[in-house]
């Protein structure tokens, strides 16, 4: 599994602690330094079954600075994927990617079902 996180994010820390306490093995990938590629994001989006908007960090400073709340509805999926691939801080975190699942954000009950 791959665990994408931002090391100073409190939710990411909570999710990492949850994984560690359960002895769940993962490869840590810092989202800011190793931003997901457009290809990865497309694959993960398809695997997740979630709306693409769920992949955006809507509470982040970048999201607000770019005015994405108003811009996203007018953007095509291709434009949204391209934008997400430009900056890891735009991507919702933490993210846990397994062989057949993708979890976006940390909800303990949801993670317990999948992991």
N, C-alpha and C. Protein backbone atom coordinates (compact mmCIF):
# COMPACT_ATOMS: atom_id res chain seq x y z
N UNK A 1 0.84 -1.18 0.00
CA UNK A 1 0.00 0.00 0.00
C UNK A 1 0.88 1.24 0.00
N UNK A 2 0.33 2.29 -0.55
CA UNK A 2 1.01 3.58 -0.56
C UNK A 2 0.20 4.53 0.32
N UNK A 3 0.89 5.21 1.21
CA UNK A 3 0.25 6.18 2.10
C UNK A 3 0.77 7.56 1.72
N UNK A 4 -0.09 8.36 1.10
CA UNK A 4 0.27 9.73 0.73
C UNK A 4 -0.14 10.65 1.86
N UNK A 5 0.81 11.45 2.32
CA UNK A 5 0.48 12.36 3.41
C UNK A 5 1.34 13.60 3.36
N UNK A 6 0.93 14.58 4.14
CA UNK A 6 1.69 15.79 4.37
C UNK A 6 2.10 15.72 5.83
N UNK A 7 3.40 15.64 6.06
CA UNK A 7 3.94 15.32 7.38
C UNK A 7 3.45 16.22 8.51
N UNK A 8 3.12 17.47 8.24
CA UNK A 8 2.69 18.35 9.32
C UNK A 8 1.17 18.41 9.50
N UNK A 9 0.46 17.69 8.67
CA UNK A 9 -1.01 17.66 8.74
C UNK A 9 -1.46 16.79 9.91
N UNK A 10 -2.29 17.32 10.78
CA UNK A 10 -2.71 16.57 11.97
C UNK A 10 -3.56 15.34 11.59
N UNK A 11 -4.38 15.45 10.57
CA UNK A 11 -5.18 14.30 10.13
C UNK A 11 -4.28 13.21 9.56
N UNK A 12 -3.25 13.60 8.84
CA UNK A 12 -2.29 12.62 8.30
C UNK A 12 -1.56 11.92 9.43
N UNK A 13 -1.17 12.67 10.45
CA UNK A 13 -0.49 12.08 11.60
C UNK A 13 -1.40 11.07 12.30
N UNK A 14 -2.66 11.43 12.43
CA UNK A 14 -3.65 10.55 13.07
C UNK A 14 -3.80 9.26 12.26
N UNK A 15 -3.89 9.40 10.94
CA UNK A 15 -4.04 8.23 10.06
C UNK A 15 -2.80 7.35 10.12
N UNK A 16 -1.63 7.96 10.13
CA UNK A 16 -0.38 7.20 10.19
C UNK A 16 -0.28 6.44 11.51
N UNK A 17 -0.66 7.09 12.59
CA UNK A 17 -0.65 6.43 13.90
C UNK A 17 -1.62 5.25 13.90
N UNK A 18 -2.78 5.44 13.28
CA UNK A 18 -3.79 4.38 13.19
C UNK A 18 -3.21 3.17 12.44
N UNK A 19 -2.55 3.42 11.32
CA UNK A 19 -1.93 2.34 10.54
C UNK A 19 -0.85 1.63 11.35
N UNK A 20 0.01 2.44 11.99
CA UNK A 20 1.12 1.88 12.78
C UNK A 20 0.62 1.03 13.94
N UNK A 21 -0.41 1.50 14.64
CA UNK A 21 -0.95 0.76 15.79
C UNK A 21 -1.51 -0.60 15.38
N UNK A 22 -1.94 -0.72 14.14
CA UNK A 22 -2.51 -1.97 13.64
C UNK A 22 -1.49 -2.82 12.89
N UNK A 23 -0.25 -2.33 12.86
CA UNK A 23 0.81 -3.08 12.20
C UNK A 23 0.61 -3.21 10.69
N UNK A 24 -0.04 -2.23 10.11
CA UNK A 24 -0.31 -2.25 8.68
C UNK A 24 0.88 -1.65 7.93
N UNK A 25 1.44 -2.43 7.03
CA UNK A 25 2.62 -1.99 6.28
C UNK A 25 2.21 -1.06 5.14
N UNK A 26 3.01 -0.04 4.91
CA UNK A 26 2.74 0.91 3.84
C UNK A 26 4.05 1.57 3.42
N UNK A 27 4.03 2.09 2.21
CA UNK A 27 5.13 2.91 1.72
C UNK A 27 4.72 4.36 1.88
N UNK A 28 5.47 5.11 2.65
CA UNK A 28 5.17 6.52 2.90
C UNK A 28 5.61 7.37 1.71
N UNK A 29 4.70 8.19 1.24
CA UNK A 29 5.02 9.09 0.13
C UNK A 29 4.58 10.50 0.50
N UNK A 30 5.53 11.41 0.70
CA UNK A 30 5.18 12.78 1.05
C UNK A 30 4.55 13.49 -0.16
N UNK A 31 3.31 13.91 0.00
CA UNK A 31 2.53 14.44 -1.12
C UNK A 31 3.07 15.76 -1.67
N UNK A 32 3.72 16.54 -0.83
CA UNK A 32 4.26 17.82 -1.30
C UNK A 32 5.51 17.62 -2.15
N UNK A 33 6.36 16.70 -1.74
CA UNK A 33 7.60 16.45 -2.46
C UNK A 33 7.41 15.51 -3.65
N UNK A 34 6.47 14.58 -3.54
CA UNK A 34 6.22 13.60 -4.60
C UNK A 34 4.76 13.68 -5.02
N UNK A 35 4.42 14.78 -5.67
CA UNK A 35 3.05 15.02 -6.10
C UNK A 35 2.56 13.89 -7.01
N UNK A 36 1.33 13.45 -6.82
CA UNK A 36 0.79 12.43 -7.73
C UNK A 36 0.77 12.95 -9.17
N UNK A 37 1.04 12.04 -10.10
CA UNK A 37 1.00 12.41 -11.51
C UNK A 37 -0.44 12.39 -12.00
N UNK A 38 -0.66 12.99 -13.14
CA UNK A 38 -2.00 12.99 -13.72
C UNK A 38 -2.47 11.56 -13.98
N UNK A 39 -1.57 10.72 -14.46
CA UNK A 39 -1.91 9.32 -14.73
C UNK A 39 -2.33 8.60 -13.45
N UNK A 40 -1.56 8.80 -12.37
CA UNK A 40 -1.91 8.19 -11.08
C UNK A 40 -3.27 8.68 -10.60
N UNK A 41 -3.48 9.98 -10.67
CA UNK A 41 -4.74 10.54 -10.21
C UNK A 41 -5.93 9.99 -10.99
N UNK A 42 -5.77 9.84 -12.28
CA UNK A 42 -6.85 9.27 -13.10
C UNK A 42 -7.15 7.83 -12.68
N UNK A 43 -6.09 7.05 -12.49
CA UNK A 43 -6.27 5.65 -12.09
C UNK A 43 -6.93 5.57 -10.70
N UNK A 44 -6.43 6.36 -9.76
CA UNK A 44 -6.98 6.34 -8.40
C UNK A 44 -8.42 6.82 -8.37
N UNK A 45 -8.71 7.83 -9.15
CA UNK A 45 -10.09 8.34 -9.23
C UNK A 45 -11.02 7.23 -9.70
N UNK A 46 -10.63 6.53 -10.73
CA UNK A 46 -11.45 5.44 -11.27
C UNK A 46 -11.62 4.34 -10.23
N UNK A 47 -10.55 3.98 -9.55
CA UNK A 47 -10.61 2.92 -8.52
C UNK A 47 -11.50 3.32 -7.35
N UNK A 48 -11.48 4.59 -7.00
CA UNK A 48 -12.20 5.05 -5.80
C UNK A 48 -13.70 5.09 -5.97
N UNK A 49 -14.15 5.38 -7.19
CA UNK A 49 -15.59 5.55 -7.41
C UNK A 49 -16.13 6.87 -6.87
N UNK A 50 -15.24 7.73 -6.42
CA UNK A 50 -15.65 9.02 -5.84
C UNK A 50 -15.74 10.10 -6.92
N UNK A 51 -16.53 11.14 -6.65
CA UNK A 51 -16.52 12.29 -7.56
C UNK A 51 -15.12 12.92 -7.54
N UNK A 52 -14.70 13.47 -8.65
CA UNK A 52 -13.35 14.06 -8.74
C UNK A 52 -13.15 15.18 -7.72
N UNK A 53 -14.19 15.90 -7.39
CA UNK A 53 -14.08 17.00 -6.41
C UNK A 53 -13.54 16.50 -5.07
N UNK A 54 -13.80 15.24 -4.73
CA UNK A 54 -13.32 14.68 -3.46
C UNK A 54 -11.79 14.57 -3.41
N UNK A 55 -11.13 14.68 -4.56
CA UNK A 55 -9.68 14.61 -4.60
C UNK A 55 -9.03 15.97 -4.35
N UNK A 56 -9.83 17.01 -4.25
CA UNK A 56 -9.30 18.34 -3.99
C UNK A 56 -9.29 18.63 -2.50
N UNK A 57 -8.22 19.25 -2.03
CA UNK A 57 -8.09 19.68 -0.64
C UNK A 57 -8.83 21.02 -0.52
N UNK A 58 -10.13 20.95 -0.32
CA UNK A 58 -10.97 22.15 -0.34
C UNK A 58 -10.72 23.09 0.84
N UNK A 59 -10.02 22.62 1.85
CA UNK A 59 -9.72 23.50 2.99
C UNK A 59 -8.31 24.08 2.91
N UNK A 60 -7.60 23.78 1.84
CA UNK A 60 -6.23 24.24 1.70
C UNK A 60 -6.11 25.68 1.22
N UNK A 61 -4.98 26.29 1.54
CA UNK A 61 -4.74 27.68 1.14
C UNK A 61 -4.67 27.83 -0.38
N UNK A 62 -4.05 26.84 -1.05
CA UNK A 62 -3.93 26.90 -2.51
C UNK A 62 -5.31 26.88 -3.17
N UNK A 63 -6.17 26.02 -2.66
CA UNK A 63 -7.53 25.90 -3.19
C UNK A 63 -8.24 27.25 -3.11
N UNK A 64 -8.11 27.90 -1.97
CA UNK A 64 -8.76 29.21 -1.78
C UNK A 64 -8.10 30.29 -2.62
N UNK A 65 -6.76 30.27 -2.65
CA UNK A 65 -6.01 31.29 -3.39
C UNK A 65 -6.34 31.26 -4.89
N UNK A 66 -6.57 30.07 -5.41
CA UNK A 66 -6.89 29.92 -6.83
C UNK A 66 -8.38 30.09 -7.14
N UNK A 67 -9.18 30.31 -6.09
CA UNK A 67 -10.61 30.51 -6.29
C UNK A 67 -11.30 29.29 -6.88
N UNK A 68 -10.86 28.11 -6.48
CA UNK A 68 -11.36 26.89 -7.10
C UNK A 68 -12.80 26.56 -6.75
N UNK A 69 -13.28 27.08 -5.65
CA UNK A 69 -14.69 26.83 -5.30
C UNK A 69 -15.60 27.30 -6.44
N UNK A 70 -15.27 28.42 -7.02
CA UNK A 70 -16.07 28.96 -8.11
C UNK A 70 -15.63 28.45 -9.49
N UNK A 71 -14.36 28.12 -9.62
CA UNK A 71 -13.81 27.72 -10.93
C UNK A 71 -14.04 26.25 -11.29
N UNK A 72 -14.00 25.36 -10.28
CA UNK A 72 -14.09 23.92 -10.56
C UNK A 72 -15.33 23.52 -11.37
N UNK A 73 -16.51 24.04 -11.03
CA UNK A 73 -17.70 23.61 -11.78
C UNK A 73 -17.61 23.89 -13.29
N UNK A 74 -16.85 24.89 -13.69
CA UNK A 74 -16.71 25.23 -15.11
C UNK A 74 -15.54 24.49 -15.78
N UNK A 75 -14.72 23.81 -15.00
CA UNK A 75 -13.55 23.14 -15.56
C UNK A 75 -13.90 21.72 -16.01
N UNK A 76 -13.28 21.28 -17.09
CA UNK A 76 -13.45 19.90 -17.55
C UNK A 76 -12.67 18.97 -16.62
N UNK A 77 -12.98 17.68 -16.70
CA UNK A 77 -12.22 16.72 -15.89
C UNK A 77 -10.75 16.75 -16.27
N UNK A 78 -10.45 16.86 -17.57
CA UNK A 78 -9.06 16.92 -18.01
C UNK A 78 -8.33 18.10 -17.37
N UNK A 79 -8.99 19.24 -17.32
CA UNK A 79 -8.39 20.43 -16.69
C UNK A 79 -8.19 20.22 -15.19
N UNK A 80 -9.15 19.57 -14.55
CA UNK A 80 -9.04 19.32 -13.12
C UNK A 80 -7.90 18.36 -12.80
N UNK A 81 -7.78 17.28 -13.58
CA UNK A 81 -6.67 16.34 -13.37
C UNK A 81 -5.33 17.04 -13.58
N UNK A 82 -5.23 17.83 -14.63
CA UNK A 82 -3.98 18.54 -14.92
C UNK A 82 -3.63 19.48 -13.77
N UNK A 83 -4.62 20.18 -13.23
CA UNK A 83 -4.39 21.10 -12.12
C UNK A 83 -3.93 20.35 -10.88
N UNK A 84 -4.61 19.26 -10.53
CA UNK A 84 -4.23 18.47 -9.35
C UNK A 84 -2.79 17.98 -9.45
N UNK A 85 -2.36 17.65 -10.66
CA UNK A 85 -1.01 17.12 -10.85
C UNK A 85 0.08 18.18 -10.73
N UNK A 86 -0.31 19.45 -10.65
CA UNK A 86 0.68 20.52 -10.57
C UNK A 86 1.17 20.78 -9.15
N UNK A 87 0.38 20.42 -8.14
CA UNK A 87 0.72 20.80 -6.76
C UNK A 87 0.08 19.84 -5.77
N UNK A 88 0.94 19.11 -5.03
CA UNK A 88 0.44 18.17 -4.04
C UNK A 88 -0.43 18.80 -2.97
N UNK A 89 -0.27 20.09 -2.75
CA UNK A 89 -1.07 20.76 -1.72
C UNK A 89 -2.53 20.95 -2.16
N UNK A 90 -2.81 20.74 -3.42
CA UNK A 90 -4.19 20.80 -3.91
C UNK A 90 -4.92 19.48 -3.70
N UNK A 91 -4.17 18.41 -3.44
CA UNK A 91 -4.73 17.07 -3.35
C UNK A 91 -5.16 16.76 -1.92
N UNK A 92 -6.36 16.22 -1.78
CA UNK A 92 -6.89 15.82 -0.48
C UNK A 92 -5.99 14.76 0.12
N UNK A 93 -5.77 14.85 1.39
CA UNK A 93 -4.92 13.91 2.10
C UNK A 93 -5.50 13.62 3.47
N UNK A 94 -5.08 12.55 4.09
CA UNK A 94 -4.21 11.51 3.56
C UNK A 94 -4.93 10.66 2.52
N UNK A 95 -4.14 9.90 1.80
CA UNK A 95 -4.69 9.00 0.80
C UNK A 95 -3.99 7.66 0.98
N UNK A 96 -4.77 6.59 0.97
CA UNK A 96 -4.22 5.25 1.09
C UNK A 96 -4.62 4.48 -0.15
N UNK A 97 -3.61 3.96 -0.86
CA UNK A 97 -3.87 3.27 -2.11
C UNK A 97 -3.42 1.83 -1.99
N UNK A 98 -4.38 0.93 -2.16
CA UNK A 98 -4.10 -0.50 -2.15
C UNK A 98 -4.22 -1.04 -3.57
N UNK A 99 -4.14 -2.35 -3.70
CA UNK A 99 -4.24 -2.95 -5.04
C UNK A 99 -5.60 -2.72 -5.67
N UNK A 100 -6.65 -2.73 -4.85
CA UNK A 100 -7.99 -2.63 -5.40
C UNK A 100 -8.87 -1.59 -4.69
N UNK A 101 -8.24 -0.66 -4.01
CA UNK A 101 -9.01 0.40 -3.35
C UNK A 101 -8.18 1.68 -3.20
N UNK A 102 -8.90 2.77 -3.04
CA UNK A 102 -8.29 4.07 -2.77
C UNK A 102 -9.16 4.74 -1.71
N UNK A 103 -8.53 5.16 -0.63
CA UNK A 103 -9.22 5.89 0.43
C UNK A 103 -8.70 7.32 0.44
N UNK A 104 -9.62 8.27 0.39
CA UNK A 104 -9.26 9.69 0.33
C UNK A 104 -9.78 10.36 1.59
N UNK A 105 -8.87 10.99 2.34
CA UNK A 105 -9.26 11.56 3.63
C UNK A 105 -9.25 10.43 4.66
N UNK A 106 -9.27 10.78 5.93
CA UNK A 106 -9.22 9.75 6.96
C UNK A 106 -10.53 9.67 7.72
N UNK A 107 -11.23 8.57 7.51
CA UNK A 107 -12.42 8.23 8.29
C UNK A 107 -12.15 6.84 8.83
N UNK A 108 -11.94 6.75 10.11
CA UNK A 108 -11.50 5.51 10.73
C UNK A 108 -12.37 4.32 10.36
N UNK A 109 -13.68 4.45 10.43
CA UNK A 109 -14.58 3.33 10.13
C UNK A 109 -14.42 2.87 8.68
N UNK A 110 -14.28 3.82 7.78
CA UNK A 110 -14.10 3.49 6.35
C UNK A 110 -12.77 2.77 6.14
N UNK A 111 -11.72 3.25 6.77
CA UNK A 111 -10.41 2.62 6.63
C UNK A 111 -10.43 1.21 7.24
N UNK A 112 -11.11 1.04 8.37
CA UNK A 112 -11.16 -0.28 9.03
C UNK A 112 -11.84 -1.31 8.13
N UNK A 113 -12.82 -0.90 7.35
CA UNK A 113 -13.51 -1.80 6.43
C UNK A 113 -12.61 -2.27 5.30
N UNK A 114 -11.74 -1.38 4.82
CA UNK A 114 -10.97 -1.66 3.62
C UNK A 114 -9.59 -2.27 3.88
N UNK A 115 -9.02 -1.94 5.01
CA UNK A 115 -7.63 -2.36 5.26
C UNK A 115 -7.57 -3.67 5.99
